[in-house]
Amino acid sequence: MKIGIVCYPTFGGSGVVATELGLGLAKRGHKIHFITYRQPVRLAQHHFHENVFFHEVSNADYPLFEYPPYDTALASKMVDVVKYENLDLLHVHYAIPHATVAYIVKKILLTEGRYVPVVTTLHGTDITLVGNNRAFAPVVEFSINKSDGVTAVSQSLKNDTLAHFKIAKDIEVIYNFIDFERFKKINKDHFKKIIAPNGEKILVHTSNFRKVKRVEDVIFIFKKVYEKIPSKLLLIGDGPERQHLEELCRDIGLCNEIRFLGKQDAIEELLAIADLFVIPSGSESFGLSALEAMACEVPVLSTNAGGLPEVNIHGVTGYLSEVGNVDEMAKYAIELLCNEELHQTFRRNALAQAKRFDLHNILPLYEAYYESVLEKVMIGY
């Protein structure tokens, strides 16, 4: 198949999943055309592949526009790529604005007698946060219903979508996935000795440092753990809460034990030295970062928000707590880190659970879904 993938090219989960999906499909022989305003982060990290193409959306600056109309530029580029690369299907990730733009693209191409089916994948905040905003909700609902196929990355997100919007379409749950060629336990003992020279336990958190990620809770959990167990905390990522979090570390006197590492490409190398991954989010459609940690044999301490219980199994791969229950989460962390036998069992369980989400298990589900959408289009049009 010739597939156009439209996504955000950033470090966020939707862009990562879209890029890894496209690369996986390319390895299986499909022609994959990425259409976005910048080369996706994960795409830039991979070597050239004969089945992968990148089409940059350029946004012309014009004095009339305070904010250049990206949607219009994107639609024009999508039309161009569909026509001249003869795409079979468009797969748009994150409903806003991609599903809406895809509908416009379909209408433009119909005037030329061409119908291109659109699959929309919902990733989380496009439904639960941004999409649920009254300013966007009617357009999001319309665009989802006008897609030829709709997928969600967890059952929790599907339920949220049906609760927030009047959706006439069936929503297929196809989970996020992990590429075990990249995310796996590797020996980085020399690096671990630099971070924890006296054998301290290493806790890790990675996110975009927004309020919904509750990184402040990570620090308070770590403070309680540190009072009982020699330990270090690695905070990976960046975002609007970072300055506040750095100030918090200074206020509680733990600057020497907490390291802010900023955005990192080689996340797997940092996960390789972790003893526990902490993700206390207030909302999480799936928990891709938790899955990446589990693939590297790291137990997960998380809330029970959204899709996290579909990934992290309480008492098996880690622990689940109510949002904001810092005391309980710290108690679980201390119990686990003080029991080496239990910790090793959780490491093995985490890997076994992660294997359920192996990229090679999920790719055929997307291929089958594409085929079903194309078949329905053939019958209907």
Protein backbone atom coordinates (compact mmCIF):
# COMPACT_ATOMS: atom_id res chain seq x y z
CA MET A 1 0.00 0.00 0.00
CA LYS A 2 0.94 3.64 -0.46
CA ILE A 3 0.07 5.37 2.79
CA GLY A 4 0.24 9.03 3.77
CA ILE A 5 0.89 9.63 7.46
CA VAL A 6 0.04 13.05 8.90
CA CYS A 7 1.27 13.79 12.43
CA TYR A 8 2.96 16.28 14.70
CA PRO A 9 6.75 15.89 14.42
CA THR A 10 7.44 16.50 18.09
CA PHE A 11 8.50 14.42 21.11
CA GLY A 12 4.84 13.89 22.06
CA GLY A 13 3.31 10.43 22.10
CA SER A 14 1.17 10.83 18.97
CA GLY A 15 4.12 11.87 16.82
CA VAL A 16 6.31 9.08 18.19
CA VAL A 17 3.66 6.42 17.58
CA ALA A 18 2.87 7.72 14.08
CA THR A 19 6.55 7.73 13.10
CA GLU A 20 7.33 4.30 14.52
CA LEU A 21 4.21 2.90 12.86
CA GLY A 22 5.25 4.31 9.50
CA LEU A 23 8.79 2.96 9.82
CA GLY A 24 7.46 -0.46 10.79
CA LEU A 25 5.08 -0.53 7.83
CA ALA A 26 7.90 0.55 5.50
CA LYS A 27 9.97 -2.44 6.62
CA ARG A 28 7.02 -4.64 5.65
CA GLY A 29 7.10 -3.28 2.10
CA HIS A 30 4.57 -0.44 2.19
CA LYS A 31 5.41 2.98 0.73
CA ILE A 32 5.10 5.50 3.55
CA HIS A 33 4.81 9.25 2.97
CA PHE A 34 5.14 11.46 6.06
CA ILE A 35 3.44 14.85 5.65
CA THR A 36 4.19 17.46 8.32
CA TYR A 37 5.91 20.79 8.93
CA ARG A 38 9.21 19.30 10.12
CA GLN A 39 10.92 15.95 9.96
CA PRO A 40 9.56 13.88 12.88
CA VAL A 41 11.99 13.38 15.76
CA ARG A 42 12.04 9.60 15.55
CA LEU A 43 12.36 9.69 11.76
CA ALA A 44 15.48 11.83 12.00
CA GLN A 45 17.04 9.17 14.26
CA HIS A 46 16.70 6.41 11.64
CA HIS A 47 18.82 5.71 8.60
CA PHE A 48 17.50 6.17 5.08
CA HIS A 49 14.89 3.62 4.00
CA GLU A 50 13.83 3.19 0.38
CA ASN A 51 10.13 3.01 1.33
CA VAL A 52 10.08 6.16 3.49
CA PHE A 53 9.41 9.63 2.08
CA PHE A 54 9.09 12.99 3.82
CA HIS A 55 7.04 15.91 2.46
CA GLU A 56 7.57 19.18 4.32
CA VAL A 57 4.65 21.56 4.70
CA SER A 58 5.94 25.08 4.20
CA ASN A 59 3.91 27.94 5.60
CA ALA A 60 4.41 31.13 3.60
CA ASP A 61 4.71 34.27 5.70
CA TYR A 62 2.37 37.06 4.60
CA PRO A 63 1.81 40.43 6.32
CA LEU A 64 -1.96 39.95 6.44
CA PHE A 65 -1.71 36.94 8.75
CA GLU A 66 -0.75 37.29 12.40
CA TYR A 67 -0.72 33.48 12.47
CA PRO A 68 -0.02 31.82 9.10
CA PRO A 69 -2.85 29.38 8.19
CA TYR A 70 -1.11 26.02 8.65
CA ASP A 71 -4.33 24.10 8.02
CA THR A 72 -4.58 25.52 4.49
CA ALA A 73 -0.92 24.82 3.70
CA LEU A 74 -1.26 21.29 5.06
CA ALA A 75 -4.39 20.59 3.01
CA SER A 76 -2.70 21.78 -0.18
CA LYS A 77 0.36 19.62 0.48
CA MET A 78 -1.81 16.58 1.26
CA VAL A 79 -3.75 17.01 -1.99
CA ASP A 80 -0.50 17.29 -3.91
CA VAL A 81 1.01 14.15 -2.34
CA VAL A 82 -2.15 12.07 -2.79
CA LYS A 83 -2.39 13.02 -6.46
CA TYR A 84 1.22 12.73 -7.53
CA GLU A 85 2.30 9.85 -5.30
CA ASN A 86 -0.97 8.03 -6.00
CA LEU A 87 -1.65 7.26 -2.34
CA ASP A 88 -4.15 4.55 -1.40
CA LEU A 89 -4.98 5.92 2.02
CA LEU A 90 -4.34 8.76 4.47
CA HIS A 91 -3.71 7.98 8.14
CA VAL A 92 -3.96 11.08 10.31
CA HIS A 93 -2.79 11.10 13.92
CA TYR A 94 -4.32 13.44 16.50
CA ALA A 95 -7.75 14.72 15.57
CA ILE A 96 -6.92 18.44 15.75
CA PRO A 97 -6.56 19.71 13.07
CA HIS A 98 -5.54 16.67 11.02
CA ALA A 99 -8.92 14.92 10.79
CA THR A 100 -10.58 18.18 9.78
CA VAL A 101 -7.94 18.94 7.16
CA ALA A 102 -8.27 15.39 5.83
CA TYR A 103 -12.01 15.95 5.28
CA ILE A 104 -11.22 19.07 3.25
CA VAL A 105 -8.66 17.09 1.24
CA LYS A 106 -11.24 14.41 0.47
CA LYS A 107 -13.70 17.03 -0.79
CA ILE A 108 -11.09 18.68 -3.01
CA LEU A 109 -10.06 15.37 -4.55
CA LEU A 110 -13.69 14.39 -5.11
CA THR A 111 -14.04 17.33 -7.50
CA GLU A 112 -11.45 15.54 -9.63
CA GLY A 113 -13.21 12.19 -9.37
CA ARG A 114 -10.78 10.76 -6.80
CA TYR A 115 -11.74 9.41 -3.38
CA VAL A 116 -9.03 8.87 -0.80
CA PRO A 117 -10.08 7.11 2.41
CA VAL A 118 -9.00 8.55 5.75
CA VAL A 119 -8.17 6.71 8.97
CA THR A 120 -8.04 8.89 12.08
CA THR A 121 -6.18 7.73 15.19
CA LEU A 122 -7.18 9.36 18.47
CA HIS A 123 -4.32 9.69 20.92
CA GLY A 124 -5.65 11.30 24.08
CA THR A 125 -5.56 15.03 24.69
CA ASP A 126 -7.11 15.59 21.27
CA ILE A 127 -10.22 14.14 22.92
CA THR A 128 -9.94 14.57 26.67
CA LEU A 129 -8.41 18.05 26.84
CA VAL A 130 -8.21 20.08 23.63
CA GLY A 131 -11.00 18.34 21.74
CA ASN A 132 -13.40 18.64 24.64
CA ASN A 133 -13.01 22.43 24.60
CA ARG A 134 -16.25 24.05 23.41
CA ALA A 135 -14.30 26.02 20.84
CA PHE A 136 -13.20 22.82 19.09
CA ALA A 137 -15.73 20.15 20.06
CA PRO A 138 -18.22 20.53 17.16
CA VAL A 139 -15.45 20.37 14.54
CA VAL A 140 -13.73 17.43 16.24
CA GLU A 141 -16.99 15.49 16.45
CA PHE A 142 -17.82 16.21 12.81
CA SER A 143 -14.33 15.25 11.61
CA ILE A 144 -14.32 11.95 13.48
CA ASN A 145 -17.70 11.03 12.05
CA LYS A 146 -16.53 11.89 8.53
CA SER A 147 -13.43 9.68 8.78
CA ASP A 148 -13.61 6.35 6.96
CA GLY A 149 -12.01 4.58 9.91
CA VAL A 150 -11.32 5.58 13.50
CA THR A 151 -8.92 3.97 15.97
CA ALA A 152 -8.11 4.72 19.60
CA VAL A 153 -4.93 3.75 21.43
CA SER A 154 -6.75 2.29 24.45
CA GLN A 155 -10.18 1.11 25.57
CA SER A 156 -10.19 3.96 28.08
CA LEU A 157 -9.76 6.53 25.31
CA LYS A 158 -12.51 4.90 23.25
CA ASN A 159 -14.84 5.16 26.24
CA ASP A 160 -13.91 8.81 26.78
CA THR A 161 -14.53 9.60 23.12
CA LEU A 162 -17.99 8.03 23.18
CA ALA A 163 -18.76 9.83 26.44
CA HIS A 164 -17.70 13.28 25.20
CA PHE A 165 -19.00 13.19 21.63
CA LYS A 166 -21.90 11.83 19.60
CA ILE A 167 -19.95 9.37 17.46
CA ALA A 168 -21.73 7.36 14.78
CA LYS A 169 -18.57 5.54 13.71
CA ASP A 170 -17.23 2.32 15.15
CA ILE A 171 -13.97 2.93 16.99
CA GLU A 172 -11.36 0.20 16.76
CA VAL A 173 -8.98 -0.13 19.71
CA ILE A 174 -5.45 -0.73 18.46
CA TYR A 175 -2.95 -0.31 21.26
CA ASN A 176 0.28 1.60 21.11
CA PHE A 177 3.34 -0.57 20.67
CA ILE A 178 7.03 -0.97 21.40
CA ASP A 179 9.95 -1.61 19.07
CA PHE A 180 12.11 -4.19 20.84
CA GLU A 181 14.94 -3.57 18.40
CA ARG A 182 15.39 -0.30 20.24
CA PHE A 183 13.81 -0.65 23.68
CA LYS A 184 15.46 -3.49 25.54
CA LYS A 185 17.62 -4.01 28.59
CA ILE A 186 21.24 -3.22 27.78
CA ASN A 187 24.33 -3.16 29.95
CA LYS A 188 25.05 0.42 30.97
CA ASP A 189 26.68 -0.32 34.33
CA HIS A 190 29.49 2.15 33.64
CA PHE A 191 26.90 4.91 33.14
CA LYS A 192 24.97 3.83 36.24
CA LYS A 193 28.12 4.18 38.35
CA ILE A 194 28.46 7.78 37.23
CA ILE A 195 24.88 8.61 38.24
CA ALA A 196 24.82 6.43 41.36
CA PRO A 197 28.46 5.91 42.44
CA ASN A 198 27.49 4.38 45.79
CA GLY A 199 24.90 1.95 44.45
CA GLU A 200 21.92 4.24 44.99
CA LYS A 201 18.56 3.24 43.52
CA ILE A 202 17.62 5.22 40.40
CA LEU A 203 14.08 6.47 39.81
CA VAL A 204 13.19 7.87 36.39
CA HIS A 205 10.39 10.01 35.01
CA THR A 206 9.97 11.29 31.46
CA SER A 207 7.29 13.62 30.11
CA ASN A 208 6.55 16.99 28.57
CA PHE A 209 6.47 18.61 32.03
CA ARG A 210 2.90 19.85 31.79
CA LYS A 211 0.57 20.11 34.78
CA VAL A 212 -1.38 17.00 33.79
CA LYS A 213 1.83 14.94 34.19
CA ARG A 214 2.03 15.95 37.87
CA VAL A 215 5.84 15.95 37.93
CA GLU A 216 5.67 17.72 41.28
CA ASP A 217 4.25 14.47 42.66
CA VAL A 218 7.29 12.63 41.30
CA ILE A 219 9.54 14.89 43.37
CA PHE A 220 7.47 14.47 46.54
CA ILE A 221 7.41 10.68 46.06
CA PHE A 222 11.17 10.71 45.58
CA LYS A 223 11.66 12.81 48.73
CA LYS A 224 9.90 10.15 50.81
CA VAL A 225 11.86 7.35 49.12
CA TYR A 226 15.15 9.20 49.64
CA GLU A 227 14.45 9.52 53.36
CA LYS A 228 14.41 5.69 53.57
CA ILE A 229 16.68 4.53 50.73
CA PRO A 230 19.82 6.09 49.16
CA SER A 231 18.53 7.06 45.73
CA LYS A 232 18.71 9.38 42.74
CA LEU A 233 15.98 10.82 40.50
CA LEU A 234 16.37 11.47 36.77
CA LEU A 235 13.81 13.84 35.23
CA ILE A 236 13.83 13.57 31.44
CA GLY A 237 12.03 16.05 29.21
CA ASP A 238 11.12 19.70 29.26
CA GLY A 239 8.07 21.91 29.33
CA PRO A 240 6.24 24.76 31.06
CA GLU A 241 6.57 23.35 34.59
CA ARG A 242 10.33 22.92 34.54
CA GLN A 243 11.34 26.18 36.21
CA HIS A 244 8.84 25.64 39.01
CA LEU A 245 10.12 22.09 39.51
CA GLU A 246 13.74 23.22 39.65
CA GLU A 247 12.79 25.78 42.30
CA LEU A 248 10.95 23.07 44.24
CA CYS A 249 14.09 20.90 44.27
CA ARG A 250 16.06 23.81 45.69
CA ASP A 251 13.41 24.50 48.33
CA ILE A 252 13.48 20.92 49.63
CA GLY A 253 17.27 20.68 49.43
CA LEU A 254 17.53 17.79 46.96
CA CYS A 255 19.31 19.45 44.04
CA ASN A 256 22.27 17.07 44.33
CA GLU A 257 20.03 14.01 44.17
CA ILE A 258 17.72 15.12 41.34
CA ARG A 259 19.01 15.64 37.82
CA PHE A 260 17.10 17.51 35.11
CA LEU A 261 18.33 15.98 31.84
CA GLY A 262 16.11 17.87 29.39
CA LYS A 263 14.92 16.29 26.15
CA GLN A 264 16.83 13.15 25.27
CA ASP A 265 16.86 11.09 22.08
CA ALA A 266 18.37 7.91 23.54
CA ILE A 267 15.74 7.32 26.22
CA GLU A 268 16.47 3.59 26.19
CA GLU A 269 19.99 4.17 27.50
CA LEU A 270 18.63 6.03 30.51
CA LEU A 271 15.94 3.42 31.13
CA ALA A 272 18.70 0.79 31.10
CA ILE A 273 20.00 2.07 34.44
CA ALA A 274 16.60 2.66 36.08
CA ASP A 275 15.26 0.70 39.05
CA LEU A 276 11.78 2.24 38.98
CA PHE A 277 9.78 4.34 36.52
CA VAL A 278 7.35 6.86 38.01
CA ILE A 279 4.34 8.21 36.09
CA PRO A 280 1.78 9.88 38.41
CA SER A 281 -0.26 11.51 35.62
CA GLY A 282 -3.69 12.99 36.19
CA SER A 283 -4.69 11.81 32.73
CA GLU A 284 -3.02 9.34 30.39
CA SER A 285 -4.69 7.81 27.34
CA PHE A 286 -2.25 4.90 27.21
CA GLY A 287 1.12 5.48 28.88
CA LEU A 288 3.68 4.93 26.13
CA SER A 289 6.56 6.04 28.33
CA ALA A 290 5.57 3.40 30.89
CA LEU A 291 5.57 0.74 28.17
CA GLU A 292 9.03 1.82 27.02
CA ALA A 293 10.28 1.44 30.59
CA MET A 294 8.69 -2.01 30.92
CA ALA A 295 10.35 -3.15 27.69
CA CYS A 296 13.65 -2.25 29.37
CA GLU A 297 12.64 -4.39 32.37
CA VAL A 298 11.81 -1.47 34.65
CA PRO A 299 8.82 -1.82 37.04
CA VAL A 300 6.32 1.04 36.90
CA LEU A 301 4.77 3.11 39.65
CA SER A 302 1.73 4.88 38.21
CA THR A 303 -1.71 6.26 38.84
CA ASN A 304 -4.77 4.36 37.69
CA ALA A 305 -5.75 7.15 35.30
CA GLY A 306 -7.01 6.51 31.78
CA GLY A 307 -5.30 3.68 29.93
CA LEU A 308 -2.49 3.10 32.45
CA PRO A 309 -4.21 0.05 34.04
CA GLU A 310 -4.31 -1.51 30.56
CA VAL A 311 -0.50 -1.37 30.51
CA ASN A 312 0.70 -1.53 34.12
CA ILE A 313 -0.71 -4.45 36.14
CA HIS A 314 -1.04 -3.75 39.87
CA GLY A 315 1.08 -6.04 41.99
CA VAL A 316 2.59 -7.71 38.92
CA THR A 317 4.52 -5.21 36.78
CA GLY A 318 4.36 -2.39 39.29
CA TYR A 319 1.76 -0.57 41.35
CA LEU A 320 -1.28 1.63 40.70
CA SER A 321 -2.62 4.37 42.99
CA GLU A 322 -5.27 7.05 42.88
CA VAL A 323 -4.19 10.36 41.35
CA GLY A 324 -2.43 12.49 43.96
CA ASN A 325 -1.90 9.73 46.52
CA VAL A 326 1.77 10.49 47.02
CA ASP A 327 2.01 8.70 50.38
CA GLU A 328 0.76 5.39 48.98
CA MET A 329 2.94 5.61 45.88
CA ALA A 330 6.01 6.30 48.02
CA LYS A 331 5.12 3.35 50.26
CA TYR A 332 4.87 1.04 47.24
CA ALA A 333 8.20 2.33 45.90
CA ILE A 334 9.99 1.76 49.20
CA GLU A 335 8.55 -1.74 49.61
CA LEU A 336 9.62 -2.73 46.11
CA LEU A 337 13.09 -1.21 46.21
CA CYS A 338 13.80 -2.83 49.59
CA ASN A 339 12.87 -6.32 48.38
CA GLU A 340 15.39 -7.48 45.79
CA GLU A 341 13.61 -10.77 45.06
CA LEU A 342 10.28 -9.02 44.45
CA HIS A 343 12.03 -6.34 42.39
CA GLN A 344 13.56 -8.94 40.08
CA THR A 345 10.18 -10.67 39.73
CA PHE A 346 8.55 -7.36 38.76
CA ARG A 347 11.33 -6.76 36.23
CA ARG A 348 10.59 -10.08 34.53
CA ASN A 349 6.85 -9.47 34.65
CA ALA A 350 7.25 -6.01 33.16
CA LEU A 351 9.12 -7.42 30.18
CA ALA A 352 6.56 -10.18 29.67
CA GLN A 353 3.70 -7.67 29.71
CA ALA A 354 5.54 -5.34 27.32
CA LYS A 355 5.93 -8.16 24.82
CA ARG A 356 2.15 -8.20 24.38
CA PHE A 357 2.59 -4.78 22.74
CA ASP A 358 5.45 -5.77 20.45
CA LEU A 359 5.42 -3.77 17.24
CA HIS A 360 5.33 -7.01 15.26
CA ASN A 361 2.07 -7.95 16.99
CA ILE A 362 0.42 -4.59 16.35
CA LEU A 363 1.47 -3.92 12.74
CA PRO A 364 -0.74 -6.70 11.30
CA LEU A 365 -3.71 -5.19 13.15
CA TYR A 366 -3.20 -1.88 11.37
CA GLU A 367 -2.70 -3.60 8.03
CA ALA A 368 -5.92 -5.56 8.47
CA TYR A 369 -7.75 -2.40 9.48
CA TYR A 370 -6.49 -0.52 6.42
CA GLU A 371 -7.66 -3.38 4.22
CA SER A 372 -11.12 -3.36 5.80
CA VAL A 373 -11.43 0.40 5.28
CA LEU A 374 -10.33 0.13 1.64
CA GLU A 375 -12.79 -2.72 1.08
CA LYS A 376 -15.69 -0.70 2.51
CA VAL A 377 -14.73 2.25 0.31
CA MET A 378 -14.67 0.03 -2.75
CA ILE A 379 -18.16 -1.22 -1.95
CA GLY A 380 -19.54 2.18 -1.02
CA TYR A 381 -18.01 4.25 -3.78
